[in-house]
C-alpha cells in the first residue's frame, strides 16, 4: 500500500503545497503529535487539506515518544499482514 509519514514539526501546510502526494495515498501517519503544543501546527487545517484531496483517507495520528495512537496503527497493520498472508 501507498503510505506517507507526515511529521507535525514539518508544518500543517504540506497537503496544500504537495497535493499530488496526498491524492495517491492509502494510509497517512501523522507522527510526532506530542510536539503539537510546541510548534505551529493546526491539526484541523492539516486534516481539512487532506480530506479535500483524499476523502476518507485512513489516518493514524501517532507519537512514537509517548505511544499515543500506536496501538491503533499496529492493530491495523497486523490485520493487513494477516489478510495478505491468507491471500497468498
PDB file of N, CA and C in Angstrom:
ATOM      1  N   UNK A   1       0.826  -1.185   0.000  1.00  0.00           N
ATOM      2  CA  UNK A   1       0.000   0.000   0.000  1.00  0.00           C
ATOM      3  C   UNK A   1       0.868   1.245   0.000  1.00  0.00           C
ATOM      4  N   UNK A   2       0.273   2.334  -0.407  1.00  0.00           N
ATOM      5  CA  UNK A   2       0.982   3.602  -0.527  1.00  0.00           C
ATOM      6  C   UNK A   2       0.786   4.388   0.764  1.00  0.00           C
ATOM      7  N   UNK A   3       1.876   4.632   1.490  1.00  0.00           N
ATOM      8  CA  UNK A   3       1.832   5.221   2.821  1.00  0.00           C
ATOM      9  C   UNK A   3       2.750   6.436   2.884  1.00  0.00           C
ATOM     10  N   UNK A   4       2.326   7.439   3.653  1.00  0.00           N
ATOM     11  CA  UNK A   4       3.166   8.606   3.907  1.00  0.00           C
ATOM     12  C   UNK A   4       3.212   8.844   5.405  1.00  0.00           C
ATOM     13  N   UNK A   5       4.397   9.160   5.908  1.00  0.00           N
ATOM     14  CA  UNK A   5       4.544   9.587   7.294  1.00  0.00           C
ATOM     15  C   UNK A   5       4.783  11.087   7.270  1.00  0.00           C
ATOM     16  N   UNK A   6       3.789  11.836   7.741  1.00  0.00           N
ATOM     17  CA  UNK A   6       3.913  13.285   7.871  1.00  0.00           C
ATOM     18  C   UNK A   6       4.345  13.572   9.303  1.00  0.00           C
ATOM     19  N   UNK A   7       5.080  14.642   9.482  1.00  0.00           N
ATOM     20  CA  UNK A   7       5.602  14.980  10.795  1.00  0.00           C
ATOM     21  C   UNK A   7       5.087  16.353  11.219  1.00  0.00           C
ATOM     22  N   UNK A   8       4.534  16.434  12.407  1.00  0.00           N
ATOM     23  CA  UNK A   8       3.979  17.688  12.908  1.00  0.00           C
ATOM     24  C   UNK A   8       4.971  18.848  12.783  1.00  0.00           C
ATOM     25  N   UNK A   9       6.256  18.704  13.172  1.00  0.00           N
ATOM     26  CA  UNK A   9       7.180  19.831  13.058  1.00  0.00           C
ATOM     27  C   UNK A   9       7.418  20.322  11.622  1.00  0.00           C
ATOM     28  N   UNK A  10       7.095  19.497  10.630  1.00  0.00           N
ATOM     29  CA  UNK A  10       7.273  19.923   9.238  1.00  0.00           C
ATOM     30  C   UNK A  10       6.212  20.923   8.798  1.00  0.00           C
ATOM     31  N   UNK A  11       5.123  21.036   9.541  1.00  0.00           N
ATOM     32  CA  UNK A  11       4.114  22.041   9.240  1.00  0.00           C
ATOM     33  C   UNK A  11       2.800  21.475   8.746  1.00  0.00           C
ATOM     34  N   UNK A  12       1.748  22.270   8.959  1.00  0.00           N
ATOM     35  CA  UNK A  12       0.397  21.853   8.595  1.00  0.00           C
ATOM     36  C   UNK A  12       0.018  22.211   7.163  1.00  0.00           C
ATOM     37  N   UNK A  13       0.944  22.805   6.433  1.00  0.00           N
ATOM     38  CA  UNK A  13       0.655  23.256   5.069  1.00  0.00           C
ATOM     39  C   UNK A  13       1.002  22.232   3.992  1.00  0.00           C
ATOM     40  N   UNK A  14       1.545  21.111   4.370  1.00  0.00           N
ATOM     41  CA  UNK A  14       2.049  20.146   3.375  1.00  0.00           C
ATOM     42  C   UNK A  14       0.989  19.637   2.395  1.00  0.00           C
ATOM     43  N   UNK A  15      -0.247  19.345   2.822  1.00  0.00           N
ATOM     44  CA  UNK A  15      -1.233  18.914   1.819  1.00  0.00           C
ATOM     45  C   UNK A  15      -1.509  19.989   0.766  1.00  0.00           C
ATOM     46  N   UNK A  16      -1.375  21.241   1.147  1.00  0.00           N
ATOM     47  CA  UNK A  16      -1.633  22.347   0.229  1.00  0.00           C
ATOM     48  C   UNK A  16      -0.445  22.584  -0.706  1.00  0.00           C
ATOM     49  N   UNK A  17       0.758  22.358  -0.207  1.00  0.00           N
ATOM     50  CA  UNK A  17       1.972  22.543  -1.019  1.00  0.00           C
ATOM     51  C   UNK A  17       2.236  21.379  -1.960  1.00  0.00           C
ATOM     52  N   UNK A  18       1.898  20.171  -1.515  1.00  0.00           N
ATOM     53  CA  UNK A  18       2.213  18.957  -2.279  1.00  0.00           C
ATOM     54  C   UNK A  18       0.960  18.093  -2.468  1.00  0.00           C
ATOM     55  N   UNK A  19      -0.049  18.622  -3.142  1.00  0.00           N
ATOM     56  CA  UNK A  19      -1.323  17.903  -3.239  1.00  0.00           C
ATOM     57  C   UNK A  19      -1.231  16.546  -3.925  1.00  0.00           C
ATOM     58  N   UNK A  20      -0.376  16.415  -4.913  1.00  0.00           N
ATOM     59  CA  UNK A  20      -0.303  15.140  -5.636  1.00  0.00           C
ATOM     60  C   UNK A  20       0.155  13.993  -4.747  1.00  0.00           C
ATOM     61  N   UNK A  21       1.001  14.286  -3.802  1.00  0.00           N
ATOM     62  CA  UNK A  21       1.463  13.248  -2.874  1.00  0.00           C
ATOM     63  C   UNK A  21       0.289  12.727  -2.049  1.00  0.00           C
ATOM     64  N   UNK A  22      -0.557  13.620  -1.590  1.00  0.00           N
ATOM     65  CA  UNK A  22      -1.663  13.236  -0.717  1.00  0.00           C
ATOM     66  C   UNK A  22      -2.814  12.590  -1.477  1.00  0.00           C
ATOM     67  N   UNK A  23      -2.961  12.904  -2.739  1.00  0.00           N
ATOM     68  CA  UNK A  23      -4.046  12.323  -3.543  1.00  0.00           C
ATOM     69  C   UNK A  23      -3.891  10.819  -3.720  1.00  0.00           C
ATOM     70  N   UNK A  24      -2.671  10.345  -3.863  1.00  0.00           N
ATOM     71  CA  UNK A  24      -2.453   8.934  -4.161  1.00  0.00           C
ATOM     72  C   UNK A  24      -2.274   8.032  -2.957  1.00  0.00           C
ATOM     73  N   UNK A  25      -2.430   8.571  -1.774  1.00  0.00           N
ATOM     74  CA  UNK A  25      -2.167   7.783  -0.564  1.00  0.00           C
ATOM     75  C   UNK A  25      -3.283   6.812  -0.223  1.00  0.00           C
ATOM     76  N   UNK A  26      -2.893   5.724   0.414  1.00  0.00           N
ATOM     77  CA  UNK A  26      -3.849   4.795   1.005  1.00  0.00           C
ATOM     78  C   UNK A  26      -3.854   4.919   2.525  1.00  0.00           C
ATOM     79  N   UNK A  27      -2.708   5.305   3.084  1.00  0.00           N
ATOM     80  CA  UNK A  27      -2.553   5.439   4.536  1.00  0.00           C
ATOM     81  C   UNK A  27      -1.725   6.689   4.827  1.00  0.00           C
ATOM     82  N   UNK A  28      -2.133   7.430   5.852  1.00  0.00           N
ATOM     83  CA  UNK A  28      -1.369   8.584   6.306  1.00  0.00           C
ATOM     84  C   UNK A  28      -1.088   8.427   7.791  1.00  0.00           C
ATOM     85  N   UNK A  29       0.184   8.483   8.140  1.00  0.00           N
ATOM     86  CA  UNK A  29       0.611   8.502   9.540  1.00  0.00           C
ATOM     87  C   UNK A  29       1.008   9.941   9.848  1.00  0.00           C
ATOM     88  N   UNK A  30       0.425  10.512  10.882  1.00  0.00           N
ATOM     89  CA  UNK A  30       0.824  11.853  11.335  1.00  0.00           C
ATOM     90  C   UNK A  30       1.647  11.633  12.596  1.00  0.00           C
ATOM     91  N   UNK A  31       2.957  11.766  12.465  1.00  0.00           N
ATOM     92  CA  UNK A  31       3.872  11.441  13.556  1.00  0.00           C
ATOM     93  C   UNK A  31       4.229  12.689  14.368  1.00  0.00           C
ATOM     94  N   UNK A  32       4.693  12.447  15.556  1.00  0.00           N
ATOM     95  CA  UNK A  32       5.160  13.477  16.494  1.00  0.00           C
ATOM     96  C   UNK A  32       4.024  14.384  16.963  1.00  0.00           C
ATOM     97  N   UNK A  33       2.831  13.803  17.140  1.00  0.00           N
ATOM     98  CA  UNK A  33       1.702  14.611  17.595  1.00  0.00           C
ATOM     99  C   UNK A  33       1.924  15.163  19.004  1.00  0.00           C
ATOM    100  N   UNK A  34       2.841  14.572  19.751  1.00  0.00           N
ATOM    101  CA  UNK A  34       3.162  15.082  21.088  1.00  0.00           C
ATOM    102  C   UNK A  34       3.827  16.454  21.034  1.00  0.00           C
ATOM    103  N   UNK A  35       4.352  16.832  19.879  1.00  0.00           N
ATOM    104  CA  UNK A  35       5.016  18.134  19.739  1.00  0.00           C
ATOM    105  C   UNK A  35       4.062  19.250  19.330  1.00  0.00           C
ATOM    106  N   UNK A  36       2.815  18.923  19.104  1.00  0.00           N
ATOM    107  CA  UNK A  36       1.851  19.908  18.627  1.00  0.00           C
ATOM    108  C   UNK A  36       1.771  21.165  19.509  1.00  0.00           C
ATOM    109  N   UNK A  37       1.840  21.060  20.834  1.00  0.00           N
ATOM    110  CA  UNK A  37       1.777  22.280  21.644  1.00  0.00           C
ATOM    111  C   UNK A  37       2.985  23.206  21.468  1.00  0.00           C
ATOM    112  N   UNK A  38       4.057  22.704  20.882  1.00  0.00           N
ATOM    113  CA  UNK A  38       5.300  23.466  20.816  1.00  0.00           C
ATOM    114  C   UNK A  38       5.622  24.021  19.433  1.00  0.00           C
ATOM    115  N   UNK A  39       4.833  23.660  18.437  1.00  0.00           N
ATOM    116  CA  UNK A  39       5.088  24.129  17.072  1.00  0.00           C
ATOM    117  C   UNK A  39       3.798  24.667  16.470  1.00  0.00           C
ATOM    118  N   UNK A  40       3.947  25.446  15.408  1.00  0.00           N
ATOM    119  CA  UNK A  40       2.793  25.972  14.679  1.00  0.00           C
ATOM    120  C   UNK A  40       2.219  24.858  13.812  1.00  0.00           C
ATOM    121  N   UNK A  41       1.232  24.163  14.327  1.00  0.00           N
ATOM    122  CA  UNK A  41       0.597  23.087  13.572  1.00  0.00           C
ATOM    123  C   UNK A  41      -0.859  23.005  13.986  1.00  0.00           C
ATOM    124  N   UNK A  42      -1.742  23.332  13.042  1.00  0.00           N
ATOM    125  CA  UNK A  42      -3.181  23.253  13.300  1.00  0.00           C
ATOM    126  C   UNK A  42      -3.696  21.955  12.687  1.00  0.00           C
ATOM    127  N   UNK A  43      -4.004  20.994  13.533  1.00  0.00           N
ATOM    128  CA  UNK A  43      -4.443  19.679  13.064  1.00  0.00           C
ATOM    129  C   UNK A  43      -5.688  19.786  12.201  1.00  0.00           C
ATOM    130  N   UNK A  44      -6.645  20.642  12.565  1.00  0.00           N
ATOM    131  CA  UNK A  44      -7.867  20.786  11.771  1.00  0.00           C
ATOM    132  C   UNK A  44      -7.561  21.285  10.364  1.00  0.00           C
ATOM    133  N   UNK A  45      -6.662  22.243  10.255  1.00  0.00           N
ATOM    134  CA  UNK A  45      -6.260  22.787   8.952  1.00  0.00           C
ATOM    135  C   UNK A  45      -5.588  21.701   8.112  1.00  0.00           C
ATOM    136  N   UNK A  46      -4.688  20.965   8.720  1.00  0.00           N
ATOM    137  CA  UNK A  46      -3.990  19.879   8.037  1.00  0.00           C
ATOM    138  C   UNK A  46      -4.981  18.828   7.547  1.00  0.00           C
ATOM    139  N   UNK A  47      -5.863  18.379   8.446  1.00  0.00           N
ATOM    140  CA  UNK A  47      -6.838  17.342   8.090  1.00  0.00           C
ATOM    141  C   UNK A  47      -7.813  17.822   7.017  1.00  0.00           C
ATOM    142  N   UNK A  48      -8.181  19.091   7.061  1.00  0.00           N
ATOM    143  CA  UNK A  48      -9.071  19.640   6.031  1.00  0.00           C
ATOM    144  C   UNK A  48      -8.406  19.545   4.659  1.00  0.00           C
ATOM    145  N   UNK A  49      -7.141  19.911   4.593  1.00  0.00           N
ATOM    146  CA  UNK A  49      -6.406  19.811   3.333  1.00  0.00           C
ATOM    147  C   UNK A  49      -6.336  18.385   2.833  1.00  0.00           C
ATOM    148  N   UNK A  50      -6.075  17.460   3.727  1.00  0.00           N
ATOM    149  CA  UNK A  50      -6.004  16.043   3.360  1.00  0.00           C
ATOM    150  C   UNK A  50      -7.369  15.560   2.879  1.00  0.00           C
ATOM    151  N   UNK A  51      -8.413  15.904   3.599  1.00  0.00           N
ATOM    152  CA  UNK A  51      -9.766  15.443   3.264  1.00  0.00           C
ATOM    153  C   UNK A  51     -10.226  15.982   1.908  1.00  0.00           C
ATOM    154  N   UNK A  52      -9.848  17.208   1.582  1.00  0.00           N
ATOM    155  CA  UNK A  52     -10.200  17.765   0.265  1.00  0.00           C
ATOM    156  C   UNK A  52      -9.537  16.975  -0.858  1.00  0.00           C
ATOM    157  N   UNK A  53      -8.325  16.531  -0.632  1.00  0.00           N
ATOM    158  CA  UNK A  53      -7.550  15.832  -1.661  1.00  0.00           C
ATOM    159  C   UNK A  53      -7.830  14.339  -1.719  1.00  0.00           C
ATOM    160  N   UNK A  54      -8.141  13.758  -0.565  1.00  0.00           N
ATOM    161  CA  UNK A  54      -8.277  12.305  -0.489  1.00  0.00           C
ATOM    162  C   UNK A  54      -9.344  11.962   0.562  1.00  0.00           C
ATOM    163  N   UNK A  55     -10.612  12.165   0.206  1.00  0.00           N
ATOM    164  CA  UNK A  55     -11.689  11.941   1.176  1.00  0.00           C
ATOM    165  C   UNK A  55     -11.669  10.523   1.748  1.00  0.00           C
ATOM    166  N   UNK A  56     -11.818  10.452   3.062  1.00  0.00           N
ATOM    167  CA  UNK A  56     -11.883   9.155   3.724  1.00  0.00           C
ATOM    168  C   UNK A  56     -10.555   8.445   3.899  1.00  0.00           C
ATOM    169  N   UNK A  57      -9.459   9.150   3.641  1.00  0.00           N
ATOM    170  CA  UNK A  57      -8.133   8.547   3.792  1.00  0.00           C
ATOM    171  C   UNK A  57      -7.955   8.001   5.208  1.00  0.00           C
ATOM    172  N   UNK A  58      -7.453   6.794   5.319  1.00  0.00           N
ATOM    173  CA  UNK A  58      -7.175   6.195   6.627  1.00  0.00           C
ATOM    174  C   UNK A  58      -5.978   6.927   7.226  1.00  0.00           C
ATOM    175  N   UNK A  59      -6.182   7.490   8.408  1.00  0.00           N
ATOM    176  CA  UNK A  59      -5.169   8.332   9.036  1.00  0.00           C
ATOM    177  C   UNK A  59      -4.939   7.894  10.475  1.00  0.00           C
ATOM    178  N   UNK A  60      -3.662   7.839  10.848  1.00  0.00           N
ATOM    179  CA  UNK A  60      -3.286   7.477  12.209  1.00  0.00           C
ATOM    180  C   UNK A  60      -2.390   8.568  12.788  1.00  0.00           C
ATOM    181  N   UNK A  61      -2.917   9.412  13.701  1.00  0.00           N
ATOM    182  CA  UNK A  61      -2.054  10.340  14.425  1.00  0.00           C
ATOM    183  C   UNK A  61      -1.309   9.553  15.506  1.00  0.00           C
ATOM    184  N   UNK A  62       0.006   9.647  15.513  1.00  0.00           N
ATOM    185  CA  UNK A  62       0.797   8.858  16.459  1.00  0.00           C
ATOM    186  C   UNK A  62       1.926   9.680  17.076  1.00  0.00           C
ATOM    187  N   UNK A  63       2.411   9.175  18.179  1.00  0.00           N
ATOM    188  CA  UNK A  63       3.633   9.679  18.789  1.00  0.00           C
ATOM    189  C   UNK A  63       4.470   8.473  19.183  1.00  0.00           C
ATOM    190  N   UNK A  64       5.601   8.339  18.569  1.00  0.00           N
ATOM    191  CA  UNK A  64       6.499   7.238  18.930  1.00  0.00           C
ATOM    192  C   UNK A  64       7.081   7.453  20.324  1.00  0.00           C
ATOM    193  N   UNK A  65       7.175   8.702  20.727  1.00  0.00           N
ATOM    194  CA  UNK A  65       7.734   9.010  22.045  1.00  0.00           C
ATOM    195  C   UNK A  65       6.774   8.633  23.172  1.00  0.00           C
ATOM    196  N   UNK A  66       5.495   9.013  23.036  1.00  0.00           N
ATOM    197  CA  UNK A  66       4.532   8.743  24.111  1.00  0.00           C
ATOM    198  C   UNK A  66       3.745   7.460  23.888  1.00  0.00           C
ATOM    199  N   UNK A  67       3.760   6.962  22.664  1.00  0.00           N
ATOM    200  CA  UNK A  67       2.984   5.770  22.336  1.00  0.00           C
ATOM    201  C   UNK A  67       1.565   6.071  21.895  1.00  0.00           C
ATOM    202  N   UNK A  68       1.184   7.333  21.948  1.00  0.00           N
ATOM    203  CA  UNK A  68      -0.171   7.723  21.540  1.00  0.00           C
ATOM    204  C   UNK A  68      -0.470   7.253  20.112  1.00  0.00           C
ATOM    205  N   UNK A  69      -1.593   6.593  19.944  1.00  0.00           N
ATOM    206  CA  UNK A  69      -2.038   6.163  18.625  1.00  0.00           C
ATOM    207  C   UNK A  69      -1.341   4.936  18.061  1.00  0.00           C
ATOM    208  N   UNK A  70      -0.294   4.480  18.704  1.00  0.00           N
ATOM    209  CA  UNK A  70       0.480   3.357  18.167  1.00  0.00           C
ATOM    210  C   UNK A  70      -0.312   2.047  18.187  1.00  0.00           C
ATOM    211  N   UNK A  71      -1.123   1.840  19.219  1.00  0.00           N
ATOM    212  CA  UNK A  71      -1.900   0.600  19.287  1.00  0.00           C
ATOM    213  C   UNK A  71      -2.829   0.461  18.088  1.00  0.00           C
ATOM    214  N   UNK A  72      -3.520   1.544  17.745  1.00  0.00           N
ATOM    215  CA  UNK A  72      -4.445   1.505  16.601  1.00  0.00           C
ATOM    216  C   UNK A  72      -3.689   1.243  15.303  1.00  0.00           C
ATOM    217  N   UNK A  73      -2.550   1.904  15.126  1.00  0.00           N
ATOM    218  CA  UNK A  73      -1.748   1.722  13.915  1.00  0.00           C
ATOM    219  C   UNK A  73      -1.230   0.284  13.814  1.00  0.00           C
ATOM    220  N   UNK A  74      -0.689  -0.234  14.901  1.00  0.00           N
ATOM    221  CA  UNK A  74      -0.141  -1.594  14.899  1.00  0.00           C
ATOM    222  C   UNK A  74      -1.252  -2.624  14.682  1.00  0.00           C
ATOM    223  N   UNK A  75      -2.400  -2.404  15.299  1.00  0.00           N
ATOM    224  CA  UNK A  75      -3.533  -3.320  15.117  1.00  0.00           C
ATOM    225  C   UNK A  75      -3.973  -3.344  13.650  1.00  0.00           C
ATOM    226  N   UNK A  76      -4.090  -2.168  13.041  1.00  0.00           N
ATOM    227  CA  UNK A  76      -4.493  -2.093  11.632  1.00  0.00           C
ATOM    228  C   UNK A  76      -3.460  -2.792  10.743  1.00  0.00           C
ATOM    229  N   UNK A  77      -2.197  -2.507  10.977  1.00  0.00           N
ATOM    230  CA  UNK A  77      -1.126  -3.091  10.174  1.00  0.00           C
ATOM    231  C   UNK A  77      -1.074  -4.612  10.340  1.00  0.00           C
ATOM    232  N   UNK A  78      -1.219  -5.085  11.559  1.00  0.00           N
ATOM    233  CA  UNK A  78      -1.215  -6.530  11.812  1.00  0.00           C
ATOM    234  C   UNK A  78      -2.350  -7.221  11.067  1.00  0.00           C
ATOM    235  N   UNK A  79      -3.519  -6.595  11.054  1.00  0.00           N
ATOM    236  CA  UNK A  79      -4.655  -7.170  10.335  1.00  0.00           C
ATOM    237  C   UNK A  79      -4.361  -7.242   8.842  1.00  0.00           C
ATOM    238  N   UNK A  80      -3.773  -6.191   8.293  1.00  0.00           N
ATOM    239  CA  UNK A  80      -3.438  -6.186   6.864  1.00  0.00           C
ATOM    240  C   UNK A  80      -2.430  -7.283   6.534  1.00  0.00           C
ATOM    241  N   UNK A  81      -1.454  -7.477   7.396  1.00  0.00           N
ATOM    242  CA  UNK A  81      -0.453  -8.532   7.170  1.00  0.00           C
ATOM    243  C   UNK A  81      -1.123  -9.903   7.215  1.00  0.00           C
ATOM    244  N   UNK A  82      -1.999 -10.109   8.186  1.00  0.00           N
ATOM    245  CA  UNK A  82      -2.725 -11.379   8.282  1.00  0.00           C
ATOM    246  C   UNK A  82      -3.585 -11.603   7.047  1.00  0.00           C
ATOM    247  N   UNK A  83      -4.300 -10.566   6.616  1.00  0.00           N
ATOM    248  CA  UNK A  83      -5.133 -10.673   5.413  1.00  0.00           C
ATOM    249  C   UNK A  83      -4.285 -11.034   4.202  1.00  0.00           C
ATOM    250  N   UNK A  84      -3.126 -10.411   4.089  1.00  0.00           N
ATOM    251  CA  UNK A  84      -2.233 -10.676   2.958  1.00  0.00           C
ATOM    252  C   UNK A  84      -1.744 -12.127   2.982  1.00  0.00           C
ATOM    253  N   UNK A  85      -1.373 -12.600   4.159  1.00  0.00           N
ATOM    254  CA  UNK A  85      -0.900 -13.985   4.289  1.00  0.00           C
ATOM    255  C   UNK A  85      -1.996 -14.979   3.908  1.00  0.00           C
ATOM    256  N   UNK A  86      -3.239 -14.646   4.217  1.00  0.00           N
ATOM    257  CA  UNK A  86      -4.358 -15.527   3.884  1.00  0.00           C
ATOM    258  C   UNK A  86      -4.643 -15.556   2.383  1.00  0.00           C
ATOM    259  N   UNK A  87      -4.277 -14.508   1.690  1.00  0.00           N
ATOM    260  CA  UNK A  87      -4.487 -14.441   0.240  1.00  0.00           C
ATOM    261  C   UNK A  87      -3.408 -15.228  -0.489  1.00  0.00           C
ATOM    262  N   UNK A  88      -2.179 -15.119   0.006  1.00  0.00           N
ATOM    263  CA  UNK A  88      -1.034 -15.733  -0.682  1.00  0.00           C
ATOM    264  C   UNK A  88      -0.939 -17.201  -0.426  1.00  0.00           C
TER     265      UNK A  88
END
